[in-house]
Amino acid sequence: GGQGTVTDLRYSNYVLGQTAPPDPPTDL
């Protein structure tokens, strides 16, 4: 029906405020 859903918060401030990402994002 066209609804969009976000499935990924791995680079959010909530996550990165606690741990550094093991892999940097590739889609800068």
mmCIF file of all heavy atoms, coordinates in Angstrom:
data_MODEL
# 
_entry.id   MODEL 
# 
loop_
_atom_site.group_PDB 
_atom_site.id 
_atom_site.type_symbol 
_atom_site.label_atom_id 
_atom_site.label_alt_id 
_atom_site.label_comp_id 
_atom_site.label_asym_id 
_atom_site.label_entity_id 
_atom_site.label_seq_id 
_atom_site.pdbx_PDB_ins_code 
_atom_site.Cartn_x 
_atom_site.Cartn_y 
_atom_site.Cartn_z 
_atom_site.occupancy 
_atom_site.B_iso_or_equiv 
_atom_site.pdbx_formal_charge 
_atom_site.auth_seq_id 
_atom_site.auth_comp_id 
_atom_site.auth_asym_id 
_atom_site.auth_atom_id 
_atom_site.pdbx_PDB_model_num 
ATOM 1   N N   . GLY A 1 1  ? 0.800  -1.224 0.000  1.00 0.00 ? 1  GLY A N   1 
ATOM 2   C CA  . GLY A 1 1  ? 0.000  0.000  0.000  1.00 0.00 ? 1  GLY A CA  1 
ATOM 3   C C   . GLY A 1 1  ? 0.827  1.265  0.000  1.00 0.00 ? 1  GLY A C   1 
ATOM 4   O O   . GLY A 1 1  ? 0.271  2.369  -0.011 1.00 0.00 ? 1  GLY A O   1 
ATOM 5   N N   . GLY A 1 2  ? 2.153  1.115  0.025  1.00 0.00 ? 2  GLY A N   1 
ATOM 6   C CA  . GLY A 1 2  ? 3.017  2.280  -0.048 1.00 0.00 ? 2  GLY A CA  1 
ATOM 7   C C   . GLY A 1 2  ? 3.530  2.788  1.278  1.00 0.00 ? 2  GLY A C   1 
ATOM 8   O O   . GLY A 1 2  ? 4.312  3.748  1.311  1.00 0.00 ? 2  GLY A O   1 
ATOM 9   N N   . GLN A 1 3  ? 3.145  2.178  2.414  1.00 0.00 ? 3  GLN A N   1 
ATOM 10  C CA  . GLN A 1 3  ? 3.635  2.650  3.704  1.00 0.00 ? 3  GLN A CA  1 
ATOM 11  C C   . GLN A 1 3  ? 5.104  2.318  3.857  1.00 0.00 ? 3  GLN A C   1 
ATOM 12  O O   . GLN A 1 3  ? 5.565  1.236  3.525  1.00 0.00 ? 3  GLN A O   1 
ATOM 13  C CB  . GLN A 1 3  ? 2.860  2.016  4.857  1.00 0.00 ? 3  GLN A CB  1 
ATOM 14  C CG  . GLN A 1 3  ? 3.356  2.489  6.222  1.00 0.00 ? 3  GLN A CG  1 
ATOM 15  C CD  . GLN A 1 3  ? 2.580  1.894  7.380  1.00 0.00 ? 3  GLN A CD  1 
ATOM 16  O OE1 . GLN A 1 3  ? 1.610  1.170  7.180  1.00 0.00 ? 3  GLN A OE1 1 
ATOM 17  N NE2 . GLN A 1 3  ? 2.990  2.188  8.601  1.00 0.00 ? 3  GLN A NE2 1 
ATOM 18  N N   . GLY A 1 4  ? 5.866  3.289  4.391  1.00 0.00 ? 4  GLY A N   1 
ATOM 19  C CA  . GLY A 1 4  ? 7.277  3.083  4.633  1.00 0.00 ? 4  GLY A CA  1 
ATOM 20  C C   . GLY A 1 4  ? 7.553  2.815  6.104  1.00 0.00 ? 4  GLY A C   1 
ATOM 21  O O   . GLY A 1 4  ? 6.916  3.396  6.982  1.00 0.00 ? 4  GLY A O   1 
ATOM 22  N N   . THR A 1 5  ? 8.497  1.930  6.364  1.00 0.00 ? 5  THR A N   1 
ATOM 23  C CA  . THR A 1 5  ? 8.855  1.577  7.741  1.00 0.00 ? 5  THR A CA  1 
ATOM 24  C C   . THR A 1 5  ? 10.368 1.607  7.898  1.00 0.00 ? 5  THR A C   1 
ATOM 25  O O   . THR A 1 5  ? 11.084 0.973  7.118  1.00 0.00 ? 5  THR A O   1 
ATOM 26  C CB  . THR A 1 5  ? 8.334  0.177  8.118  1.00 0.00 ? 5  THR A CB  1 
ATOM 27  O OG1 . THR A 1 5  ? 6.921  0.120  7.909  1.00 0.00 ? 5  THR A OG1 1 
ATOM 28  C CG2 . THR A 1 5  ? 8.628  -0.134 9.579  1.00 0.00 ? 5  THR A CG2 1 
ATOM 29  N N   . VAL A 1 6  ? 10.839 2.319  8.918  1.00 0.00 ? 6  VAL A N   1 
ATOM 30  C CA  . VAL A 1 6  ? 12.259 2.363  9.252  1.00 0.00 ? 6  VAL A CA  1 
ATOM 31  C C   . VAL A 1 6  ? 12.591 1.116  10.072 1.00 0.00 ? 6  VAL A C   1 
ATOM 32  O O   . VAL A 1 6  ? 11.906 0.801  11.042 1.00 0.00 ? 6  VAL A O   1 
ATOM 33  C CB  . VAL A 1 6  ? 12.603 3.632  10.066 1.00 0.00 ? 6  VAL A CB  1 
ATOM 34  C CG1 . VAL A 1 6  ? 14.069 3.644  10.467 1.00 0.00 ? 6  VAL A CG1 1 
ATOM 35  C CG2 . VAL A 1 6  ? 12.261 4.885  9.269  1.00 0.00 ? 6  VAL A CG2 1 
ATOM 36  N N   . THR A 1 7  ? 13.639 0.406  9.694  1.00 0.00 ? 7  THR A N   1 
ATOM 37  C CA  . THR A 1 7  ? 13.981 -0.836 10.384 1.00 0.00 ? 7  THR A CA  1 
ATOM 38  C C   . THR A 1 7  ? 15.323 -0.785 11.091 1.00 0.00 ? 7  THR A C   1 
ATOM 39  O O   . THR A 1 7  ? 15.693 -1.753 11.758 1.00 0.00 ? 7  THR A O   1 
ATOM 40  C CB  . THR A 1 7  ? 14.018 -2.012 9.383  1.00 0.00 ? 7  THR A CB  1 
ATOM 41  O OG1 . THR A 1 7  ? 15.074 -1.778 8.428  1.00 0.00 ? 7  THR A OG1 1 
ATOM 42  C CG2 . THR A 1 7  ? 12.692 -2.146 8.648  1.00 0.00 ? 7  THR A CG2 1 
ATOM 43  N N   . ASP A 1 8  ? 16.053 0.311  10.988 1.00 0.00 ? 8  ASP A N   1 
ATOM 44  C CA  . ASP A 1 8  ? 17.464 0.338  11.390 1.00 0.00 ? 8  ASP A CA  1 
ATOM 45  C C   . ASP A 1 8  ? 17.754 1.606  12.179 1.00 0.00 ? 8  ASP A C   1 
ATOM 46  O O   . ASP A 1 8  ? 17.525 2.713  11.685 1.00 0.00 ? 8  ASP A O   1 
ATOM 47  C CB  . ASP A 1 8  ? 18.317 0.281  10.119 1.00 0.00 ? 8  ASP A CB  1 
ATOM 48  C CG  . ASP A 1 8  ? 19.806 0.289  10.381 1.00 0.00 ? 8  ASP A CG  1 
ATOM 49  O OD1 . ASP A 1 8  ? 20.230 0.631  11.493 1.00 0.00 ? 8  ASP A OD1 1 
ATOM 50  O OD2 . ASP A 1 8  ? 20.565 -0.041 9.447  1.00 0.00 ? 8  ASP A OD2 1 
ATOM 51  N N   . LEU A 1 9  ? 18.249 1.443  13.413 1.00 0.00 ? 9  LEU A N   1 
ATOM 52  C CA  . LEU A 1 9  ? 18.678 2.591  14.221 1.00 0.00 ? 9  LEU A CA  1 
ATOM 53  C C   . LEU A 1 9  ? 20.131 2.448  14.642 1.00 0.00 ? 9  LEU A C   1 
ATOM 54  O O   . LEU A 1 9  ? 20.555 3.030  15.630 1.00 0.00 ? 9  LEU A O   1 
ATOM 55  C CB  . LEU A 1 9  ? 17.795 2.734  15.473 1.00 0.00 ? 9  LEU A CB  1 
ATOM 56  C CG  . LEU A 1 9  ? 16.337 3.114  15.279 1.00 0.00 ? 9  LEU A CG  1 
ATOM 57  C CD1 . LEU A 1 9  ? 15.654 3.278  16.634 1.00 0.00 ? 9  LEU A CD1 1 
ATOM 58  C CD2 . LEU A 1 9  ? 16.190 4.378  14.466 1.00 0.00 ? 9  LEU A CD2 1 
ATOM 59  N N   . ARG A 1 10 ? 20.912 1.702  13.895 1.00 0.00 ? 10 ARG A N   1 
ATOM 60  C CA  . ARG A 1 10 ? 22.250 1.334  14.367 1.00 0.00 ? 10 ARG A CA  1 
ATOM 61  C C   . ARG A 1 10 ? 23.210 2.521  14.449 1.00 0.00 ? 10 ARG A C   1 
ATOM 62  O O   . ARG A 1 10 ? 24.214 2.450  15.156 1.00 0.00 ? 10 ARG A O   1 
ATOM 63  C CB  . ARG A 1 10 ? 22.839 0.236  13.496 1.00 0.00 ? 10 ARG A CB  1 
ATOM 64  C CG  . ARG A 1 10 ? 23.152 0.641  12.081 1.00 0.00 ? 10 ARG A CG  1 
ATOM 65  C CD  . ARG A 1 10 ? 23.702 -0.524 11.282 1.00 0.00 ? 10 ARG A CD  1 
ATOM 66  N NE  . ARG A 1 10 ? 22.689 -1.544 11.063 1.00 0.00 ? 10 ARG A NE  1 
ATOM 67  C CZ  . ARG A 1 10 ? 22.930 -2.691 10.420 1.00 0.00 ? 10 ARG A CZ  1 
ATOM 68  N NH1 . ARG A 1 10 ? 24.146 -2.951 9.979  1.00 0.00 ? 10 ARG A NH1 1 
ATOM 69  N NH2 . ARG A 1 10 ? 21.972 -3.562 10.233 1.00 0.00 ? 10 ARG A NH2 1 
ATOM 70  N N   . TYR A 1 11 ? 22.891 3.632  13.743 1.00 0.00 ? 11 TYR A N   1 
ATOM 71  C CA  . TYR A 1 11 ? 23.766 4.809  13.827 1.00 0.00 ? 11 TYR A CA  1 
ATOM 72  C C   . TYR A 1 11 ? 23.098 5.968  14.567 1.00 0.00 ? 11 TYR A C   1 
ATOM 73  O O   . TYR A 1 11 ? 23.527 7.113  14.448 1.00 0.00 ? 11 TYR A O   1 
ATOM 74  C CB  . TYR A 1 11 ? 24.195 5.243  12.428 1.00 0.00 ? 11 TYR A CB  1 
ATOM 75  C CG  . TYR A 1 11 ? 25.037 4.207  11.730 1.00 0.00 ? 11 TYR A CG  1 
ATOM 76  C CD1 . TYR A 1 11 ? 24.511 3.436  10.694 1.00 0.00 ? 11 TYR A CD1 1 
ATOM 77  C CD2 . TYR A 1 11 ? 26.345 3.964  12.135 1.00 0.00 ? 11 TYR A CD2 1 
ATOM 78  C CE1 . TYR A 1 11 ? 25.276 2.467  10.078 1.00 0.00 ? 11 TYR A CE1 1 
ATOM 79  C CE2 . TYR A 1 11 ? 27.115 2.987  11.523 1.00 0.00 ? 11 TYR A CE2 1 
ATOM 80  C CZ  . TYR A 1 11 ? 26.575 2.243  10.493 1.00 0.00 ? 11 TYR A CZ  1 
ATOM 81  O OH  . TYR A 1 11 ? 27.330 1.274  9.889  1.00 0.00 ? 11 TYR A OH  1 
ATOM 82  N N   . SER A 1 12 ? 22.063 5.675  15.315 1.00 0.00 ? 12 SER A N   1 
ATOM 83  C CA  . SER A 1 12 ? 21.370 6.724  16.070 1.00 0.00 ? 12 SER A CA  1 
ATOM 84  C C   . SER A 1 12 ? 22.217 7.193  17.246 1.00 0.00 ? 12 SER A C   1 
ATOM 85  O O   . SER A 1 12 ? 23.148 6.505  17.685 1.00 0.00 ? 12 SER A O   1 
ATOM 86  C CB  . SER A 1 12 ? 20.024 6.199  16.583 1.00 0.00 ? 12 SER A CB  1 
ATOM 87  O OG  . SER A 1 12 ? 20.223 5.192  17.571 1.00 0.00 ? 12 SER A OG  1 
ATOM 88  N N   . ASN A 1 13 ? 21.880 8.371  17.755 1.00 0.00 ? 13 ASN A N   1 
ATOM 89  C CA  . ASN A 1 13 ? 22.625 8.896  18.908 1.00 0.00 ? 13 ASN A CA  1 
ATOM 90  C C   . ASN A 1 13 ? 22.435 8.010  20.132 1.00 0.00 ? 13 ASN A C   1 
ATOM 91  O O   . ASN A 1 13 ? 23.321 7.898  20.975 1.00 0.00 ? 13 ASN A O   1 
ATOM 92  C CB  . ASN A 1 13 ? 22.198 10.334 19.214 1.00 0.00 ? 13 ASN A CB  1 
ATOM 93  C CG  . ASN A 1 13 ? 20.750 10.435 19.687 1.00 0.00 ? 13 ASN A CG  1 
ATOM 94  O OD1 . ASN A 1 13 ? 19.887 9.642  19.288 1.00 0.00 ? 13 ASN A OD1 1 
ATOM 95  N ND2 . ASN A 1 13 ? 20.462 11.420 20.520 1.00 0.00 ? 13 ASN A ND2 1 
ATOM 96  N N   . TYR A 1 14 ? 21.299 7.338  20.244 1.00 0.00 ? 14 TYR A N   1 
ATOM 97  C CA  . TYR A 1 14 ? 21.028 6.463  21.385 1.00 0.00 ? 14 TYR A CA  1 
ATOM 98  C C   . TYR A 1 14 ? 22.025 5.301  21.404 1.00 0.00 ? 14 TYR A C   1 
ATOM 99  O O   . TYR A 1 14 ? 22.532 4.916  22.457 1.00 0.00 ? 14 TYR A O   1 
ATOM 100 C CB  . TYR A 1 14 ? 19.605 5.923  21.293 1.00 0.00 ? 14 TYR A CB  1 
ATOM 101 C CG  . TYR A 1 14 ? 19.127 5.204  22.542 1.00 0.00 ? 14 TYR A CG  1 
ATOM 102 C CD1 . TYR A 1 14 ? 18.314 5.858  23.464 1.00 0.00 ? 14 TYR A CD1 1 
ATOM 103 C CD2 . TYR A 1 14 ? 19.468 3.884  22.796 1.00 0.00 ? 14 TYR A CD2 1 
ATOM 104 C CE1 . TYR A 1 14 ? 17.862 5.200  24.601 1.00 0.00 ? 14 TYR A CE1 1 
ATOM 105 C CE2 . TYR A 1 14 ? 19.029 3.223  23.930 1.00 0.00 ? 14 TYR A CE2 1 
ATOM 106 C CZ  . TYR A 1 14 ? 18.225 3.893  24.823 1.00 0.00 ? 14 TYR A CZ  1 
ATOM 107 O OH  . TYR A 1 14 ? 17.793 3.242  25.958 1.00 0.00 ? 14 TYR A OH  1 
ATOM 108 N N   . VAL A 1 15 ? 22.322 4.766  20.232 1.00 0.00 ? 15 VAL A N   1 
ATOM 109 C CA  . VAL A 1 15 ? 23.242 3.634  20.138 1.00 0.00 ? 15 VAL A CA  1 
ATOM 110 C C   . VAL A 1 15 ? 24.685 4.097  20.249 1.00 0.00 ? 15 VAL A C   1 
ATOM 111 O O   . VAL A 1 15 ? 25.470 3.563  21.041 1.00 0.00 ? 15 VAL A O   1 
ATOM 112 C CB  . VAL A 1 15 ? 23.027 2.869  18.816 1.00 0.00 ? 15 VAL A CB  1 
ATOM 113 C CG1 . VAL A 1 15 ? 24.064 1.767  18.656 1.00 0.00 ? 15 VAL A CG1 1 
ATOM 114 C CG2 . VAL A 1 15 ? 21.622 2.277  18.762 1.00 0.00 ? 15 VAL A CG2 1 
ATOM 115 N N   . LEU A 1 16 ? 25.055 5.096  19.468 1.00 0.00 ? 16 LEU A N   1 
ATOM 116 C CA  . LEU A 1 16 ? 26.452 5.517  19.431 1.00 0.00 ? 16 LEU A CA  1 
ATOM 117 C C   . LEU A 1 16 ? 26.849 6.302  20.668 1.00 0.00 ? 16 LEU A C   1 
ATOM 118 O O   . LEU A 1 16 ? 28.034 6.536  20.894 1.00 0.00 ? 16 LEU A O   1 
ATOM 119 C CB  . LEU A 1 16 ? 26.718 6.341  18.171 1.00 0.00 ? 16 LEU A CB  1 
ATOM 120 C CG  . LEU A 1 16 ? 26.484 5.578  16.858 1.00 0.00 ? 16 LEU A CG  1 
ATOM 121 C CD1 . LEU A 1 16 ? 26.955 6.409  15.675 1.00 0.00 ? 16 LEU A CD1 1 
ATOM 122 C CD2 . LEU A 1 16 ? 27.189 4.235  16.858 1.00 0.00 ? 16 LEU A CD2 1 
ATOM 123 N N   . GLY A 1 17 ? 25.869 6.696  21.482 1.00 0.00 ? 17 GLY A N   1 
ATOM 124 C CA  . GLY A 1 17 ? 26.208 7.312  22.759 1.00 0.00 ? 17 GLY A CA  1 
ATOM 125 C C   . GLY A 1 17 ? 26.720 6.295  23.759 1.00 0.00 ? 17 GLY A C   1 
ATOM 126 O O   . GLY A 1 17 ? 27.297 6.661  24.786 1.00 0.00 ? 17 GLY A O   1 
ATOM 127 N N   . GLN A 1 18 ? 26.528 4.993  23.455 1.00 0.00 ? 18 GLN A N   1 
ATOM 128 C CA  . GLN A 1 18 ? 26.961 3.929  24.359 1.00 0.00 ? 18 GLN A CA  1 
ATOM 129 C C   . GLN A 1 18 ? 28.119 3.110  23.809 1.00 0.00 ? 18 GLN A C   1 
ATOM 130 O O   . GLN A 1 18 ? 28.889 2.527  24.567 1.00 0.00 ? 18 GLN A O   1 
ATOM 131 C CB  . GLN A 1 18 ? 25.781 2.982  24.636 1.00 0.00 ? 18 GLN A CB  1 
ATOM 132 C CG  . GLN A 1 18 ? 24.554 3.664  25.229 1.00 0.00 ? 18 GLN A CG  1 
ATOM 133 C CD  . GLN A 1 18 ? 23.449 2.651  25.468 1.00 0.00 ? 18 GLN A CD  1 
ATOM 134 O OE1 . GLN A 1 18 ? 23.634 1.675  26.168 1.00 0.00 ? 18 GLN A OE1 1 
ATOM 135 N NE2 . GLN A 1 18 ? 22.289 2.883  24.879 1.00 0.00 ? 18 GLN A NE2 1 
ATOM 136 N N   . THR A 1 19 ? 28.242 3.046  22.494 1.00 0.00 ? 19 THR A N   1 
ATOM 137 C CA  . THR A 1 19 ? 29.296 2.220  21.894 1.00 0.00 ? 19 THR A CA  1 
ATOM 138 C C   . THR A 1 19 ? 29.661 2.777  20.536 1.00 0.00 ? 19 THR A C   1 
ATOM 139 O O   . THR A 1 19 ? 28.812 3.341  19.846 1.00 0.00 ? 19 THR A O   1 
ATOM 140 C CB  . THR A 1 19 ? 28.828 0.754  21.753 1.00 0.00 ? 19 THR A CB  1 
ATOM 141 O OG1 . THR A 1 19 ? 29.886 -0.022 21.213 1.00 0.00 ? 19 THR A OG1 1 
ATOM 142 C CG2 . THR A 1 19 ? 27.632 0.643  20.833 1.00 0.00 ? 19 THR A CG2 1 
ATOM 143 N N   . ALA A 1 20 ? 30.896 2.642  20.149 1.00 0.00 ? 20 ALA A N   1 
ATOM 144 C CA  . ALA A 1 20 ? 31.328 3.066  18.825 1.00 0.00 ? 20 ALA A CA  1 
ATOM 145 C C   . ALA A 1 20 ? 30.982 1.971  17.818 1.00 0.00 ? 20 ALA A C   1 
ATOM 146 O O   . ALA A 1 20 ? 31.038 0.782  18.139 1.00 0.00 ? 20 ALA A O   1 
ATOM 147 C CB  . ALA A 1 20 ? 32.830 3.323  18.814 1.00 0.00 ? 20 ALA A CB  1 
ATOM 148 N N   . PRO A 1 21 ? 30.595 2.334  16.598 1.00 0.00 ? 21 PRO A N   1 
ATOM 149 C CA  . PRO A 1 21 ? 30.232 1.306  15.617 1.00 0.00 ? 21 PRO A CA  1 
ATOM 150 C C   . PRO A 1 21 ? 31.447 0.495  15.195 1.00 0.00 ? 21 PRO A C   1 
ATOM 151 O O   . PRO A 1 21 ? 32.486 1.067  14.841 1.00 0.00 ? 21 PRO A O   1 
ATOM 152 C CB  . PRO A 1 21 ? 29.678 2.123  14.437 1.00 0.00 ? 21 PRO A CB  1 
ATOM 153 C CG  . PRO A 1 21 ? 30.343 3.456  14.564 1.00 0.00 ? 21 PRO A CG  1 
ATOM 154 C CD  . PRO A 1 21 ? 30.491 3.687  16.041 1.00 0.00 ? 21 PRO A CD  1 
ATOM 155 N N   . PRO A 1 22 ? 31.368 -0.826 15.238 1.00 0.00 ? 22 PRO A N   1 
ATOM 156 C CA  . PRO A 1 22 ? 32.491 -1.645 14.781 1.00 0.00 ? 22 PRO A CA  1 
ATOM 157 C C   . PRO A 1 22 ? 32.789 -1.421 13.302 1.00 0.00 ? 22 PRO A C   1 
ATOM 158 O O   . PRO A 1 22 ? 33.926 -1.476 12.877 1.00 0.00 ? 22 PRO A O   1 
ATOM 159 C CB  . PRO A 1 22 ? 32.018 -3.079 15.046 1.00 0.00 ? 22 PRO A CB  1 
ATOM 160 C CG  . PRO A 1 22 ? 30.923 -2.952 16.052 1.00 0.00 ? 22 PRO A CG  1 
ATOM 161 C CD  . PRO A 1 22 ? 30.267 -1.639 15.764 1.00 0.00 ? 22 PRO A CD  1 
ATOM 162 N N   . ASP A 1 23 ? 31.725 -1.177 12.521 1.00 0.00 ? 23 ASP A N   1 
ATOM 163 C CA  . ASP A 1 23 ? 31.892 -0.912 11.091 1.00 0.00 ? 23 ASP A CA  1 
ATOM 164 C C   . ASP A 1 23 ? 31.346 0.474  10.778 1.00 0.00 ? 23 ASP A C   1 
ATOM 165 O O   . ASP A 1 23 ? 30.198 0.779  11.116 1.00 0.00 ? 23 ASP A O   1 
ATOM 166 C CB  . ASP A 1 23 ? 31.126 -1.939 10.249 1.00 0.00 ? 23 ASP A CB  1 
ATOM 167 C CG  . ASP A 1 23 ? 31.753 -3.317 10.323 1.00 0.00 ? 23 ASP A CG  1 
ATOM 168 O OD1 . ASP A 1 23 ? 32.972 -3.387 10.563 1.00 0.00 ? 23 ASP A OD1 1 
ATOM 169 O OD2 . ASP A 1 23 ? 31.017 -4.304 10.147 1.00 0.00 ? 23 ASP A OD2 1 
ATOM 170 N N   . PRO A 1 24 ? 32.122 1.335  10.130 1.00 0.00 ? 24 PRO A N   1 
ATOM 171 C CA  . PRO A 1 24 ? 31.602 2.639  9.733  1.00 0.00 ? 24 PRO A CA  1 
ATOM 172 C C   . PRO A 1 24 ? 30.577 2.472  8.625  1.00 0.00 ? 24 PRO A C   1 
ATOM 173 O O   . PRO A 1 24 ? 30.632 1.507  7.847  1.00 0.00 ? 24 PRO A O   1 
ATOM 174 C CB  . PRO A 1 24 ? 32.847 3.386  9.242  1.00 0.00 ? 24 PRO A CB  1 
ATOM 175 C CG  . PRO A 1 24 ? 33.773 2.293  8.796  1.00 0.00 ? 24 PRO A CG  1 
ATOM 176 C CD  . PRO A 1 24 ? 33.517 1.145  9.726  1.00 0.00 ? 24 PRO A CD  1 
ATOM 177 N N   . PRO A 1 25 ? 29.615 3.368  8.510  1.00 0.00 ? 25 PRO A N   1 
ATOM 178 C CA  . PRO A 1 25 ? 28.608 3.253  7.448  1.00 0.00 ? 25 PRO A CA  1 
ATOM 179 C C   . PRO A 1 25 ? 29.250 3.396  6.078  1.00 0.00 ? 25 PRO A C   1 
ATOM 180 O O   . PRO A 1 25 ? 30.206 4.149  5.893  1.00 0.00 ? 25 PRO A O   1 
ATOM 181 C CB  . PRO A 1 25 ? 27.645 4.407  7.749  1.00 0.00 ? 25 PRO A CB  1 
ATOM 182 C CG  . PRO A 1 25 ? 28.451 5.383  8.541  1.00 0.00 ? 25 PRO A CG  1 
ATOM 183 C CD  . PRO A 1 25 ? 29.410 4.562  9.347  1.00 0.00 ? 25 PRO A CD  1 
ATOM 184 N N   . THR A 1 26 ? 28.725 2.673  5.115  1.00 0.00 ? 26 THR A N   1 
ATOM 185 C CA  . THR A 1 26 ? 29.239 2.746  3.752  1.00 0.00 ? 26 THR A CA  1 
ATOM 186 C C   . THR A 1 26 ? 28.433 3.708  2.884  1.00 0.00 ? 26 THR A C   1 
ATOM 187 O O   . THR A 1 26 ? 28.915 4.149  1.847  1.00 0.00 ? 26 THR A O   1 
ATOM 188 C CB  . THR A 1 26 ? 29.219 1.358  3.099  1.00 0.00 ? 26 THR A CB  1 
ATOM 189 O OG1 . THR A 1 26 ? 27.886 0.833  3.142  1.00 0.00 ? 26 THR A OG1 1 
ATOM 190 C CG2 . THR A 1 26 ? 30.142 0.399  3.838  1.00 0.00 ? 26 THR A CG2 1 
ATOM 191 N N   . ASP A 1 27 ? 27.206 4.018  3.294  1.00 0.00 ? 27 ASP A N   1 
ATOM 192 C CA  . ASP A 1 27 ? 26.342 4.898  2.507  1.00 0.00 ? 27 ASP A CA  1 
ATOM 193 C C   . ASP A 1 27 ? 26.316 6.294  3.115  1.00 0.00 ? 27 ASP A C   1 
ATOM 194 O O   . ASP A 1 27 ? 25.292 6.775  3.586  1.00 0.00 ? 27 ASP A O   1 
ATOM 195 C CB  . ASP A 1 27 ? 24.934 4.311  2.376  1.00 0.00 ? 27 ASP A CB  1 
ATOM 196 C CG  . ASP A 1 27 ? 24.421 3.736  3.695  1.00 0.00 ? 27 ASP A CG  1 
ATOM 197 O OD1 . ASP A 1 27 ? 25.082 3.931  4.727  1.00 0.00 ? 27 ASP A OD1 1 
ATOM 198 O OD2 . ASP A 1 27 ? 23.366 3.102  3.678  1.00 0.00 ? 27 ASP A OD2 1 
ATOM 199 N N   . LEU A 1 28 ? 27.470 6.951  3.095  1.00 0.00 ? 28 LEU A N   1 
ATOM 200 C CA  . LEU A 1 28 ? 27.615 8.259  3.729  1.00 0.00 ? 28 LEU A CA  1 
ATOM 201 C C   . LEU A 1 28 ? 26.771 9.332  3.057  1.00 0.00 ? 28 LEU A C   1 
ATOM 202 O O   . LEU A 1 28 ? 26.497 10.375 3.665  1.00 0.00 ? 28 LEU A O   1 
ATOM 203 C CB  . LEU A 1 28 ? 29.085 8.679  3.723  1.00 0.00 ? 28 LEU A CB  1 
ATOM 204 C CG  . LEU A 1 28 ? 30.028 7.830  4.586  1.00 0.00 ? 28 LEU A CG  1 
ATOM 205 C CD1 . LEU A 1 28 ? 31.468 8.285  4.398  1.00 0.00 ? 28 LEU A CD1 1 
ATOM 206 C CD2 . LEU A 1 28 ? 29.636 7.914  6.048  1.00 0.00 ? 28 LEU A CD2 1 
# 
